[in-house]
């Protein structure tokens, strides 16, 4: 899932062959930007079929609006035109067999049967005299796990005595700066006793 709960894009166009190829590339670029690469093929094929239907069948003109919206875990793709007639899906045995992903400008619509086969759900919403909206939905894939900014990094509190050679004074937290140790007081050595010799005159004792 993408971090944002909803993303939306809309574009108005004439459903002409040259424009259909351009819209395919625009839709693909938006889905890749939204990190929905897994939905690109089905979304592009579905919007191609809807635009081709407008090109071939819509009256009185080919003007339409393409909308793509990601809401939570669902992508909705819709095409609105000005023809109020409701299209009907023609059943076929395997509608996706005819799809060639290399046909960037293919405009030979294979109908709503393909839209129904590739989508989670689809439908038509009448808009009265203003036309109709044909839509389909695709389930968004689950989000990828976020990459770690520092893989393998381990953070733990510093234990007391981790660096015994630089340990602070007892009772001072490890995070507190240690006060500089006071210079030890000089130790005075005991005075050496000096004996004073007294001269004794000769012939006298004591």
N, C-alpha and C. Protein backbone atom coordinates (compact mmCIF):
# COMPACT_ATOMS: atom_id res chain seq x y z
N UNK A 1 0.84 -1.18 0.00
CA UNK A 1 0.00 0.00 0.00
C UNK A 1 0.88 1.23 0.00
N UNK A 2 0.38 2.24 -0.65
CA UNK A 2 1.11 3.49 -0.67
C UNK A 2 0.79 4.26 0.59
N UNK A 3 1.76 5.14 1.04
CA UNK A 3 1.57 5.85 2.29
C UNK A 3 0.37 6.77 2.25
N UNK A 4 0.06 7.38 1.12
CA UNK A 4 -1.08 8.27 1.02
C UNK A 4 -2.36 7.45 0.82
N UNK A 5 -3.49 7.82 1.54
CA UNK A 5 -4.70 7.02 1.44
C UNK A 5 -5.40 7.13 0.11
N UNK A 6 -5.23 8.25 -0.65
CA UNK A 6 -5.92 8.42 -1.92
C UNK A 6 -5.05 9.19 -2.89
N UNK A 7 -5.06 8.75 -4.17
CA UNK A 7 -4.36 9.47 -5.24
C UNK A 7 -5.27 9.50 -6.44
N UNK A 8 -5.22 10.61 -7.17
CA UNK A 8 -6.20 10.83 -8.24
C UNK A 8 -5.53 11.55 -9.40
N UNK A 9 -5.95 11.16 -10.63
CA UNK A 9 -5.49 11.83 -11.84
C UNK A 9 -6.62 11.78 -12.87
N UNK A 10 -6.81 12.87 -13.60
CA UNK A 10 -7.83 12.93 -14.64
C UNK A 10 -7.29 13.72 -15.82
N UNK A 11 -7.74 13.32 -17.04
CA UNK A 11 -7.33 14.01 -18.25
C UNK A 11 -8.48 13.97 -19.25
N UNK A 12 -8.73 15.09 -19.93
CA UNK A 12 -9.75 15.16 -20.98
C UNK A 12 -9.07 15.02 -22.33
N UNK A 13 -9.76 14.39 -23.27
CA UNK A 13 -9.15 14.16 -24.58
C UNK A 13 -10.21 13.83 -25.61
N UNK A 14 -9.79 13.87 -26.86
CA UNK A 14 -10.57 13.32 -27.96
C UNK A 14 -10.09 11.87 -28.16
N UNK A 15 -11.02 10.92 -28.16
CA UNK A 15 -10.65 9.52 -28.27
C UNK A 15 -10.28 9.17 -29.70
N UNK A 16 -9.13 9.67 -30.13
CA UNK A 16 -8.59 9.39 -31.46
C UNK A 16 -7.42 8.43 -31.33
N UNK A 17 -7.09 7.68 -32.39
CA UNK A 17 -6.02 6.68 -32.28
C UNK A 17 -4.71 7.24 -31.74
N UNK A 18 -4.31 8.43 -32.19
CA UNK A 18 -3.04 8.99 -31.72
C UNK A 18 -3.09 9.33 -30.23
N UNK A 19 -4.23 9.77 -29.75
CA UNK A 19 -4.37 10.13 -28.34
C UNK A 19 -4.48 8.90 -27.45
N UNK A 20 -5.06 7.82 -27.96
CA UNK A 20 -5.20 6.62 -27.14
C UNK A 20 -3.83 6.07 -26.75
N UNK A 21 -2.89 6.04 -27.69
CA UNK A 21 -1.55 5.59 -27.37
C UNK A 21 -0.88 6.48 -26.33
N UNK A 22 -1.10 7.79 -26.41
CA UNK A 22 -0.52 8.72 -25.45
C UNK A 22 -1.10 8.50 -24.06
N UNK A 23 -2.42 8.28 -23.97
CA UNK A 23 -3.05 8.07 -22.67
C UNK A 23 -2.54 6.78 -22.04
N UNK A 24 -2.29 5.77 -22.84
CA UNK A 24 -1.73 4.54 -22.30
C UNK A 24 -0.40 4.80 -21.60
N UNK A 25 0.44 5.60 -22.23
CA UNK A 25 1.74 5.90 -21.62
C UNK A 25 1.59 6.77 -20.37
N UNK A 26 0.63 7.68 -20.38
CA UNK A 26 0.40 8.54 -19.20
C UNK A 26 -0.08 7.71 -18.02
N UNK A 27 -1.05 6.84 -18.26
CA UNK A 27 -1.56 5.98 -17.18
C UNK A 27 -0.45 5.10 -16.62
N UNK A 28 0.34 4.52 -17.52
CA UNK A 28 1.45 3.67 -17.08
C UNK A 28 2.43 4.45 -16.20
N UNK A 29 2.76 5.67 -16.60
CA UNK A 29 3.72 6.47 -15.83
C UNK A 29 3.17 6.82 -14.45
N UNK A 30 1.88 7.15 -14.36
CA UNK A 30 1.30 7.48 -13.06
C UNK A 30 1.28 6.26 -12.13
N UNK A 31 0.93 5.13 -12.64
CA UNK A 31 0.89 3.94 -11.79
C UNK A 31 2.28 3.55 -11.31
N UNK A 32 3.28 3.70 -12.15
CA UNK A 32 4.64 3.40 -11.70
C UNK A 32 5.08 4.41 -10.64
N UNK A 33 4.69 5.66 -10.82
CA UNK A 33 5.02 6.68 -9.82
C UNK A 33 4.34 6.38 -8.49
N UNK A 34 3.15 5.80 -8.53
CA UNK A 34 2.43 5.42 -7.31
C UNK A 34 2.87 4.06 -6.78
N UNK A 35 3.91 3.48 -7.37
CA UNK A 35 4.45 2.18 -6.97
C UNK A 35 3.42 1.05 -7.16
N UNK A 36 2.69 1.13 -8.27
CA UNK A 36 1.69 0.11 -8.61
C UNK A 36 2.08 -0.58 -9.93
N UNK A 37 3.34 -0.94 -10.03
CA UNK A 37 3.83 -1.55 -11.27
C UNK A 37 3.05 -2.81 -11.63
N UNK A 38 2.61 -3.57 -10.62
CA UNK A 38 1.93 -4.83 -10.89
C UNK A 38 0.58 -4.62 -11.58
N UNK A 39 0.02 -3.40 -11.52
CA UNK A 39 -1.29 -3.14 -12.12
C UNK A 39 -1.20 -2.49 -13.50
N UNK A 40 0.01 -2.18 -13.95
CA UNK A 40 0.16 -1.41 -15.19
C UNK A 40 -0.46 -2.12 -16.38
N UNK A 41 -0.14 -3.39 -16.59
CA UNK A 41 -0.61 -4.09 -17.79
C UNK A 41 -2.14 -4.15 -17.86
N UNK A 42 -2.78 -4.54 -16.77
CA UNK A 42 -4.25 -4.64 -16.78
C UNK A 42 -4.92 -3.27 -16.87
N UNK A 43 -4.37 -2.28 -16.18
CA UNK A 43 -4.97 -0.95 -16.24
C UNK A 43 -4.86 -0.35 -17.64
N UNK A 44 -3.69 -0.51 -18.26
CA UNK A 44 -3.48 0.03 -19.60
C UNK A 44 -4.36 -0.68 -20.62
N UNK A 45 -4.47 -2.00 -20.51
CA UNK A 45 -5.34 -2.74 -21.43
C UNK A 45 -6.80 -2.33 -21.25
N UNK A 46 -7.23 -2.19 -19.99
CA UNK A 46 -8.61 -1.81 -19.75
C UNK A 46 -8.95 -0.43 -20.27
N UNK A 47 -8.08 0.54 -20.02
CA UNK A 47 -8.37 1.90 -20.48
C UNK A 47 -8.31 1.97 -22.01
N UNK A 48 -7.47 1.15 -22.63
CA UNK A 48 -7.43 1.09 -24.09
C UNK A 48 -8.77 0.62 -24.65
N UNK A 49 -9.34 -0.41 -24.05
CA UNK A 49 -10.63 -0.92 -24.52
C UNK A 49 -11.73 0.11 -24.35
N UNK A 50 -11.74 0.79 -23.23
CA UNK A 50 -12.80 1.79 -23.00
C UNK A 50 -12.67 2.96 -23.97
N UNK A 51 -11.45 3.42 -24.20
CA UNK A 51 -11.26 4.53 -25.14
C UNK A 51 -11.57 4.10 -26.57
N UNK A 52 -11.24 2.87 -26.91
CA UNK A 52 -11.54 2.37 -28.25
C UNK A 52 -13.05 2.31 -28.47
N UNK A 53 -13.79 1.92 -27.45
CA UNK A 53 -15.25 1.92 -27.56
C UNK A 53 -15.79 3.32 -27.82
N UNK A 54 -15.20 4.32 -27.13
CA UNK A 54 -15.63 5.70 -27.38
C UNK A 54 -15.29 6.09 -28.82
N UNK A 55 -14.08 5.76 -29.25
CA UNK A 55 -13.66 6.12 -30.62
C UNK A 55 -14.59 5.51 -31.67
N UNK A 56 -15.01 4.28 -31.46
CA UNK A 56 -15.79 3.57 -32.48
C UNK A 56 -17.30 3.84 -32.39
N UNK A 57 -17.81 4.09 -31.18
CA UNK A 57 -19.26 4.08 -31.02
C UNK A 57 -19.88 5.38 -30.48
N UNK A 58 -19.10 6.22 -29.80
CA UNK A 58 -19.71 7.37 -29.12
C UNK A 58 -20.25 8.39 -30.11
N UNK A 59 -21.41 8.96 -29.77
CA UNK A 59 -22.04 10.05 -30.52
C UNK A 59 -22.50 11.10 -29.51
N UNK A 60 -22.48 12.35 -29.83
CA UNK A 60 -22.21 12.94 -31.15
C UNK A 60 -20.74 13.28 -31.38
N UNK A 61 -19.88 13.14 -30.34
CA UNK A 61 -18.46 13.47 -30.52
C UNK A 61 -17.63 12.44 -29.76
N UNK A 62 -16.32 12.62 -29.84
CA UNK A 62 -15.40 11.67 -29.22
C UNK A 62 -14.74 12.24 -27.96
N UNK A 63 -15.30 13.31 -27.45
CA UNK A 63 -14.72 13.89 -26.23
C UNK A 63 -15.01 12.98 -25.04
N UNK A 64 -14.01 12.83 -24.17
CA UNK A 64 -14.19 11.99 -22.99
C UNK A 64 -13.19 12.40 -21.92
N UNK A 65 -13.37 11.84 -20.73
CA UNK A 65 -12.48 12.10 -19.59
C UNK A 65 -12.05 10.77 -19.00
N UNK A 66 -10.75 10.60 -18.86
CA UNK A 66 -10.19 9.41 -18.21
C UNK A 66 -9.81 9.78 -16.79
N UNK A 67 -10.22 8.94 -15.84
CA UNK A 67 -9.90 9.16 -14.43
C UNK A 67 -9.30 7.88 -13.86
N UNK A 68 -8.25 8.04 -13.07
CA UNK A 68 -7.70 6.93 -12.29
C UNK A 68 -7.59 7.40 -10.85
N UNK A 69 -8.00 6.54 -9.93
CA UNK A 69 -7.98 6.90 -8.52
C UNK A 69 -7.61 5.69 -7.68
N UNK A 70 -6.64 5.89 -6.80
CA UNK A 70 -6.27 4.86 -5.84
C UNK A 70 -6.87 5.26 -4.50
N UNK A 71 -7.76 4.43 -3.99
CA UNK A 71 -8.39 4.68 -2.70
C UNK A 71 -8.17 3.45 -1.84
N UNK A 72 -7.31 3.61 -0.83
CA UNK A 72 -6.92 2.51 0.04
C UNK A 72 -6.33 1.37 -0.80
N UNK A 73 -7.02 0.23 -0.90
CA UNK A 73 -6.44 -0.92 -1.61
C UNK A 73 -7.15 -1.19 -2.93
N UNK A 74 -7.80 -0.18 -3.53
CA UNK A 74 -8.50 -0.36 -4.80
C UNK A 74 -8.13 0.75 -5.77
N UNK A 75 -7.80 0.34 -7.00
CA UNK A 75 -7.57 1.29 -8.09
C UNK A 75 -8.80 1.29 -8.98
N UNK A 76 -9.39 2.46 -9.21
CA UNK A 76 -10.55 2.59 -10.09
C UNK A 76 -10.15 3.36 -11.33
N UNK A 77 -10.44 2.80 -12.49
CA UNK A 77 -10.18 3.44 -13.78
C UNK A 77 -11.54 3.66 -14.45
N UNK A 78 -11.80 4.88 -14.92
CA UNK A 78 -13.10 5.16 -15.54
C UNK A 78 -12.92 6.08 -16.75
N UNK A 79 -13.87 5.94 -17.68
CA UNK A 79 -13.91 6.80 -18.87
C UNK A 79 -15.34 7.33 -18.99
N UNK A 80 -15.44 8.65 -19.05
CA UNK A 80 -16.75 9.30 -19.19
C UNK A 80 -16.87 9.91 -20.58
N UNK A 81 -17.96 9.61 -21.28
CA UNK A 81 -18.19 10.22 -22.60
C UNK A 81 -19.57 10.87 -22.62
N UNK A 82 -19.94 11.44 -23.76
CA UNK A 82 -21.19 12.21 -23.85
C UNK A 82 -22.30 11.44 -24.57
N UNK A 83 -22.12 10.16 -24.74
CA UNK A 83 -23.15 9.33 -25.38
C UNK A 83 -23.94 8.62 -24.28
N UNK A 84 -25.24 8.89 -24.13
CA UNK A 84 -26.02 8.28 -23.05
C UNK A 84 -26.36 6.81 -23.28
N UNK A 85 -26.08 6.27 -24.44
CA UNK A 85 -26.39 4.86 -24.70
C UNK A 85 -25.51 3.95 -23.84
N UNK A 86 -26.11 2.92 -23.28
CA UNK A 86 -25.41 2.00 -22.39
C UNK A 86 -24.81 0.86 -23.22
N UNK A 87 -23.50 0.62 -23.12
CA UNK A 87 -22.88 -0.47 -23.90
C UNK A 87 -23.22 -1.83 -23.29
N UNK A 88 -23.11 -2.84 -24.10
CA UNK A 88 -23.34 -4.21 -23.65
C UNK A 88 -22.09 -5.04 -23.91
N UNK A 89 -21.76 -5.86 -22.92
CA UNK A 89 -20.59 -6.74 -23.08
C UNK A 89 -20.96 -7.93 -23.94
N UNK A 90 -20.12 -8.23 -24.91
CA UNK A 90 -20.31 -9.39 -25.77
C UNK A 90 -19.45 -10.52 -25.24
N UNK A 91 -20.07 -11.62 -24.89
CA UNK A 91 -19.34 -12.74 -24.30
C UNK A 91 -18.45 -13.39 -25.35
N UNK A 92 -17.23 -13.78 -24.93
CA UNK A 92 -16.34 -14.55 -25.79
C UNK A 92 -15.62 -15.57 -24.92
N UNK A 93 -15.13 -16.62 -25.54
CA UNK A 93 -14.63 -17.76 -24.78
C UNK A 93 -13.41 -17.39 -23.94
N UNK A 94 -12.43 -16.73 -24.51
CA UNK A 94 -11.22 -16.34 -23.77
C UNK A 94 -10.77 -14.98 -24.29
N UNK A 95 -11.33 -13.89 -23.77
CA UNK A 95 -11.08 -12.57 -24.36
C UNK A 95 -9.64 -12.10 -24.26
N UNK A 96 -8.86 -12.63 -23.32
CA UNK A 96 -7.49 -12.15 -23.15
C UNK A 96 -6.51 -12.80 -24.12
N UNK A 97 -6.93 -13.85 -24.83
CA UNK A 97 -6.03 -14.51 -25.76
C UNK A 97 -5.61 -13.61 -26.90
N UNK A 98 -6.49 -12.68 -27.29
CA UNK A 98 -6.20 -11.82 -28.44
C UNK A 98 -5.31 -10.63 -28.11
N UNK A 99 -4.98 -10.46 -26.83
CA UNK A 99 -4.22 -9.28 -26.43
C UNK A 99 -2.74 -9.43 -26.77
N UNK A 100 -2.20 -8.41 -27.43
CA UNK A 100 -0.78 -8.36 -27.75
C UNK A 100 -0.18 -7.15 -27.06
N UNK A 101 0.61 -7.31 -25.97
CA UNK A 101 1.14 -6.15 -25.25
C UNK A 101 2.06 -5.29 -26.07
N UNK A 102 2.54 -5.78 -27.23
CA UNK A 102 3.41 -4.97 -28.06
C UNK A 102 2.69 -3.98 -28.94
N UNK A 103 1.35 -4.04 -29.00
CA UNK A 103 0.59 -3.14 -29.85
C UNK A 103 0.31 -1.84 -29.10
N UNK A 104 1.29 -0.95 -29.12
CA UNK A 104 1.16 0.30 -28.37
C UNK A 104 0.01 1.16 -28.86
N UNK A 105 -0.29 1.13 -30.15
CA UNK A 105 -1.32 2.00 -30.69
C UNK A 105 -2.53 1.21 -31.17
N UNK A 106 -2.72 0.02 -30.61
CA UNK A 106 -3.85 -0.79 -31.05
C UNK A 106 -5.16 -0.11 -30.69
N UNK A 107 -6.09 -0.04 -31.65
CA UNK A 107 -7.39 0.61 -31.40
C UNK A 107 -8.54 -0.29 -31.81
N UNK A 108 -8.26 -1.54 -32.14
CA UNK A 108 -9.34 -2.46 -32.50
C UNK A 108 -9.91 -3.03 -31.21
N UNK A 109 -10.91 -2.39 -30.66
CA UNK A 109 -11.45 -2.74 -29.35
C UNK A 109 -11.96 -4.16 -29.29
N UNK A 110 -11.61 -4.84 -28.23
CA UNK A 110 -12.07 -6.21 -28.04
C UNK A 110 -13.24 -6.24 -27.07
N UNK A 111 -13.76 -5.06 -26.72
CA UNK A 111 -15.01 -4.98 -25.99
C UNK A 111 -14.88 -5.08 -24.49
N UNK A 112 -16.06 -4.96 -23.86
CA UNK A 112 -16.13 -5.00 -22.41
C UNK A 112 -15.87 -6.40 -21.86
N UNK A 113 -15.87 -7.43 -22.71
CA UNK A 113 -15.55 -8.76 -22.23
C UNK A 113 -14.13 -8.82 -21.67
N UNK A 114 -13.20 -8.12 -22.31
CA UNK A 114 -11.83 -8.07 -21.81
C UNK A 114 -11.77 -7.31 -20.50
N UNK A 115 -12.49 -6.19 -20.42
CA UNK A 115 -12.51 -5.41 -19.18
C UNK A 115 -13.03 -6.26 -18.04
N UNK A 116 -14.10 -7.02 -18.29
CA UNK A 116 -14.64 -7.88 -17.25
C UNK A 116 -13.69 -9.00 -16.85
N UNK A 117 -12.90 -9.51 -17.83
CA UNK A 117 -12.00 -10.62 -17.54
C UNK A 117 -10.79 -10.19 -16.74
N UNK A 118 -10.28 -8.98 -16.95
CA UNK A 118 -9.06 -8.56 -16.28
C UNK A 118 -9.29 -7.83 -14.97
N UNK A 119 -10.52 -7.37 -14.71
CA UNK A 119 -10.77 -6.52 -13.56
C UNK A 119 -11.39 -7.30 -12.41
N UNK A 120 -11.33 -6.68 -11.23
CA UNK A 120 -12.00 -7.25 -10.07
C UNK A 120 -13.51 -7.03 -10.16
N UNK A 121 -13.91 -5.84 -10.65
CA UNK A 121 -15.31 -5.52 -10.88
C UNK A 121 -15.39 -4.41 -11.92
N UNK A 122 -16.56 -4.26 -12.56
CA UNK A 122 -16.73 -3.20 -13.54
C UNK A 122 -18.22 -2.87 -13.63
N UNK A 123 -18.53 -1.72 -14.26
CA UNK A 123 -19.92 -1.34 -14.39
C UNK A 123 -20.07 -0.08 -15.22
N UNK A 124 -21.34 0.32 -15.38
CA UNK A 124 -21.69 1.52 -16.15
C UNK A 124 -22.58 2.39 -15.27
N UNK A 125 -22.26 3.67 -15.20
CA UNK A 125 -23.06 4.61 -14.41
C UNK A 125 -23.68 5.65 -15.36
N UNK A 126 -24.99 5.59 -15.59
CA UNK A 126 -25.63 6.57 -16.48
C UNK A 126 -25.57 7.98 -15.87
N UNK A 127 -25.41 8.97 -16.73
CA UNK A 127 -25.39 10.37 -16.30
C UNK A 127 -26.50 11.16 -16.99
N UNK A 128 -27.61 10.50 -17.31
CA UNK A 128 -28.72 11.17 -17.97
C UNK A 128 -28.34 11.57 -19.39
N UNK A 129 -28.80 12.76 -19.78
CA UNK A 129 -28.51 13.26 -21.12
C UNK A 129 -27.05 13.64 -21.30
N UNK A 130 -26.29 13.72 -20.19
CA UNK A 130 -24.89 14.14 -20.27
C UNK A 130 -23.95 13.00 -20.65
N UNK A 131 -24.46 11.78 -20.72
CA UNK A 131 -23.60 10.67 -21.13
C UNK A 131 -23.58 9.56 -20.10
N UNK A 132 -22.41 8.96 -19.93
CA UNK A 132 -22.27 7.81 -19.03
C UNK A 132 -20.81 7.70 -18.60
N UNK A 133 -20.59 6.90 -17.56
CA UNK A 133 -19.25 6.57 -17.08
C UNK A 133 -19.13 5.05 -17.06
N UNK A 134 -18.10 4.53 -17.73
CA UNK A 134 -17.78 3.11 -17.67
C UNK A 134 -16.51 2.97 -16.82
N UNK A 135 -16.55 2.09 -15.85
CA UNK A 135 -15.46 1.99 -14.89
C UNK A 135 -15.09 0.53 -14.62
N UNK A 136 -13.89 0.32 -14.09
CA UNK A 136 -13.49 -0.99 -13.59
C UNK A 136 -12.50 -0.79 -12.45
N UNK A 137 -12.37 -1.81 -11.60
CA UNK A 137 -11.48 -1.72 -10.45
C UNK A 137 -10.46 -2.85 -10.48
N UNK A 138 -9.30 -2.57 -9.87
CA UNK A 138 -8.23 -3.55 -9.71
C UNK A 138 -7.77 -3.51 -8.25
N UNK A 139 -7.47 -4.68 -7.69
CA UNK A 139 -6.98 -4.75 -6.31
C UNK A 139 -5.51 -4.37 -6.26
N UNK A 140 -5.18 -3.41 -5.39
CA UNK A 140 -3.78 -2.99 -5.25
C UNK A 140 -3.00 -4.03 -4.45
N UNK A 141 -1.75 -4.29 -4.81
CA UNK A 141 -0.94 -5.27 -4.08
C UNK A 141 -0.58 -4.73 -2.70
N UNK A 142 -0.23 -5.62 -1.76
CA UNK A 142 0.17 -5.16 -0.42
C UNK A 142 1.47 -4.38 -0.51
N UNK A 143 1.69 -3.48 0.45
CA UNK A 143 2.90 -2.64 0.40
C UNK A 143 4.15 -3.46 0.69
N UNK A 144 5.25 -3.01 0.11
CA UNK A 144 6.54 -3.65 0.39
C UNK A 144 7.04 -3.20 1.75
N UNK A 145 7.80 -4.07 2.41
CA UNK A 145 8.35 -3.72 3.72
C UNK A 145 9.33 -2.57 3.56
N UNK A 146 9.25 -1.54 4.44
CA UNK A 146 10.17 -0.40 4.32
C UNK A 146 11.62 -0.82 4.55
N UNK A 147 12.49 -0.26 3.76
CA UNK A 147 13.92 -0.59 3.88
C UNK A 147 14.48 0.05 5.13
N UNK A 148 15.33 -0.69 5.83
CA UNK A 148 15.97 -0.16 7.02
C UNK A 148 17.05 0.84 6.61
N UNK A 149 17.09 1.96 7.34
CA UNK A 149 18.10 2.96 7.01
C UNK A 149 19.50 2.47 7.35
N UNK A 150 19.60 1.66 8.41
CA UNK A 150 20.90 1.10 8.77
C UNK A 150 20.69 -0.37 9.07
N UNK A 151 20.86 -1.19 8.09
CA UNK A 151 20.64 -2.62 8.28
C UNK A 151 21.69 -3.18 9.21
N UNK A 152 21.24 -3.97 10.18
CA UNK A 152 22.16 -4.64 11.07
C UNK A 152 22.66 -3.79 12.21
N UNK A 153 22.26 -2.53 12.29
CA UNK A 153 22.72 -1.68 13.39
C UNK A 153 21.99 -2.07 14.67
N UNK A 154 22.72 -2.16 15.78
CA UNK A 154 22.15 -2.53 17.06
C UNK A 154 22.43 -1.40 18.02
N UNK A 155 21.37 -0.95 18.69
CA UNK A 155 21.49 0.13 19.64
C UNK A 155 21.17 -0.40 21.03
N UNK A 156 22.06 -0.16 22.01
CA UNK A 156 21.84 -0.64 23.37
C UNK A 156 22.42 0.37 24.33
N UNK A 157 21.87 0.44 25.57
CA UNK A 157 22.43 1.38 26.55
C UNK A 157 23.85 0.99 26.92
N UNK A 158 24.66 1.99 27.21
CA UNK A 158 26.05 1.75 27.57
C UNK A 158 26.10 1.23 28.99
N UNK A 159 26.77 0.14 29.22
CA UNK A 159 26.87 -0.45 30.55
C UNK A 159 28.00 0.21 31.32
N UNK A 160 27.79 0.29 32.66
CA UNK A 160 28.84 0.84 33.52
C UNK A 160 30.07 -0.05 33.44
N UNK A 161 31.20 0.58 33.45
CA UNK A 161 32.43 -0.19 33.43
C UNK A 161 32.80 -0.72 32.08
N UNK A 162 32.14 -0.20 31.00
CA UNK A 162 32.46 -0.70 29.67
C UNK A 162 33.89 -0.36 29.29
N UNK A 163 34.34 0.83 29.71
CA UNK A 163 35.70 1.26 29.46
C UNK A 163 36.37 1.52 30.81
N UNK A 164 36.85 0.49 31.48
CA UNK A 164 37.36 0.67 32.84
C UNK A 164 38.51 1.65 32.93
N UNK A 165 39.29 1.76 31.87
CA UNK A 165 40.43 2.68 31.94
C UNK A 165 39.99 4.13 31.99
N UNK A 166 38.73 4.41 31.59
CA UNK A 166 38.24 5.79 31.55
C UNK A 166 37.00 5.94 32.41
N UNK A 167 36.87 5.09 33.41
CA UNK A 167 35.67 5.13 34.25
C UNK A 167 35.65 6.41 35.07
N UNK A 168 34.46 7.00 35.27
CA UNK A 168 34.37 8.20 36.11
C UNK A 168 34.53 7.85 37.57
N UNK A 169 34.52 8.89 38.41
CA UNK A 169 34.65 8.67 39.84
C UNK A 169 33.44 7.92 40.36
N UNK A 170 33.58 7.18 41.45
CA UNK A 170 32.44 6.44 42.01
C UNK A 170 31.29 7.38 42.35
N UNK A 171 30.07 6.94 42.01
CA UNK A 171 28.89 7.72 42.33
C UNK A 171 28.52 8.74 41.28
N UNK A 172 29.34 8.96 40.25
CA UNK A 172 29.05 9.92 39.20
C UNK A 172 28.50 9.18 38.00
N UNK A 173 27.33 9.59 37.47
CA UNK A 173 26.78 8.88 36.30
C UNK A 173 27.76 8.89 35.15
N UNK A 174 27.64 7.85 34.30
CA UNK A 174 28.58 7.71 33.18
C UNK A 174 28.44 8.86 32.20
N UNK A 175 27.20 9.42 32.10
CA UNK A 175 26.98 10.50 31.14
C UNK A 175 27.46 11.84 31.64
N UNK A 176 27.73 11.97 32.96
CA UNK A 176 28.14 13.26 33.52
C UNK A 176 29.63 13.44 33.32
N UNK A 177 30.04 14.68 32.98
CA UNK A 177 31.48 14.91 32.82
C UNK A 177 32.20 14.77 34.15
N UNK A 178 33.30 14.10 34.16
CA UNK A 178 34.05 13.90 35.39
C UNK A 178 34.84 15.16 35.73
N UNK A 179 34.83 15.50 37.03
CA UNK A 179 35.62 16.65 37.47
C UNK A 179 37.10 16.27 37.42
N UNK A 180 37.95 17.20 37.06
CA UNK A 180 39.38 16.87 37.03
C UNK A 180 39.88 16.53 38.43
N UNK A 181 40.69 15.53 38.53
CA UNK A 181 41.20 15.09 39.83
C UNK A 181 42.15 16.14 40.39
N UNK A 182 41.99 16.38 41.71
CA UNK A 182 42.88 17.35 42.36
C UNK A 182 44.29 16.76 42.47
N UNK A 183 45.25 17.65 42.35
CA UNK A 183 46.65 17.19 42.46
C UNK A 183 46.92 16.68 43.87
N UNK A 184 47.55 15.54 44.03
CA UNK A 184 47.81 15.01 45.38
C UNK A 184 48.73 15.94 46.16
N UNK A 185 48.44 16.04 47.49
CA UNK A 185 49.28 16.89 48.35
C UNK A 185 50.68 16.30 48.46
N UNK A 186 51.68 17.14 48.44
CA UNK A 186 53.05 16.61 48.55
C UNK A 186 53.28 15.91 49.87
N UNK A 187 53.97 14.82 49.84
CA UNK A 187 54.28 14.04 51.04
C UNK A 187 55.70 14.39 51.48
N UNK A 188 55.81 14.89 52.74
CA UNK A 188 57.13 15.29 53.26
C UNK A 188 57.82 14.09 53.91
N UNK A 189 59.02 13.88 53.51
CA UNK A 189 59.78 12.77 54.10
C UNK A 189 60.21 13.13 55.51
N UNK A 190 60.26 12.19 56.46
CA UNK A 190 60.71 12.50 57.84
C UNK A 190 62.18 12.98 57.85
N UNK A 191 62.42 13.97 58.75
CA UNK A 191 63.77 14.53 58.82
C UNK A 191 64.77 13.49 59.31
N UNK A 192 65.91 13.49 58.73
CA UNK A 192 66.97 12.54 59.12
C UNK A 192 67.73 13.08 60.32
N UNK A 193 67.80 12.28 61.34
CA UNK A 193 68.52 12.71 62.56
C UNK A 193 70.04 12.82 62.28
N UNK A 194 70.59 13.94 62.68
CA UNK A 194 72.02 14.15 62.46
C UNK A 194 72.72 14.20 63.83
N UNK A 195 73.62 13.33 64.04
CA UNK A 195 74.36 13.31 65.34
C UNK A 195 75.49 14.33 65.30
N UNK A 196 75.55 15.13 66.37
CA UNK A 196 76.60 16.15 66.44
C UNK A 196 77.75 15.60 67.30
N UNK A 197 78.86 15.51 66.70
CA UNK A 197 80.02 14.98 67.45
C UNK A 197 80.65 16.08 68.30
N UNK A 198 81.01 15.74 69.54
CA UNK A 198 81.65 16.71 70.42
C UNK A 198 83.09 16.26 70.69
N UNK A 199 84.00 17.18 70.45
CA UNK A 199 85.42 16.83 70.64
C UNK A 199 85.72 16.71 72.14
N UNK A 200 86.40 15.63 72.46
CA UNK A 200 86.80 15.40 73.88
C UNK A 200 88.31 15.62 73.98
N UNK A 201 88.75 16.53 74.91
CA UNK A 201 90.21 16.75 75.01
C UNK A 201 90.93 15.49 75.44
N UNK A 202 92.12 15.36 74.97
CA UNK A 202 92.91 14.17 75.30
C UNK A 202 93.19 14.12 76.80
N UNK A 203 93.15 12.98 77.32
CA UNK A 203 93.44 12.77 78.74
C UNK A 203 92.23 12.94 79.59
N UNK A 204 91.10 13.34 78.95
CA UNK A 204 89.88 13.51 79.75
C UNK A 204 88.83 12.54 79.24
N UNK A 205 88.25 11.94 80.13
CA UNK A 205 87.22 10.99 79.78
C UNK A 205 85.91 11.48 80.29
N UNK A 206 84.86 11.16 79.54
CA UNK A 206 83.52 11.53 80.00
C UNK A 206 83.32 12.97 79.86
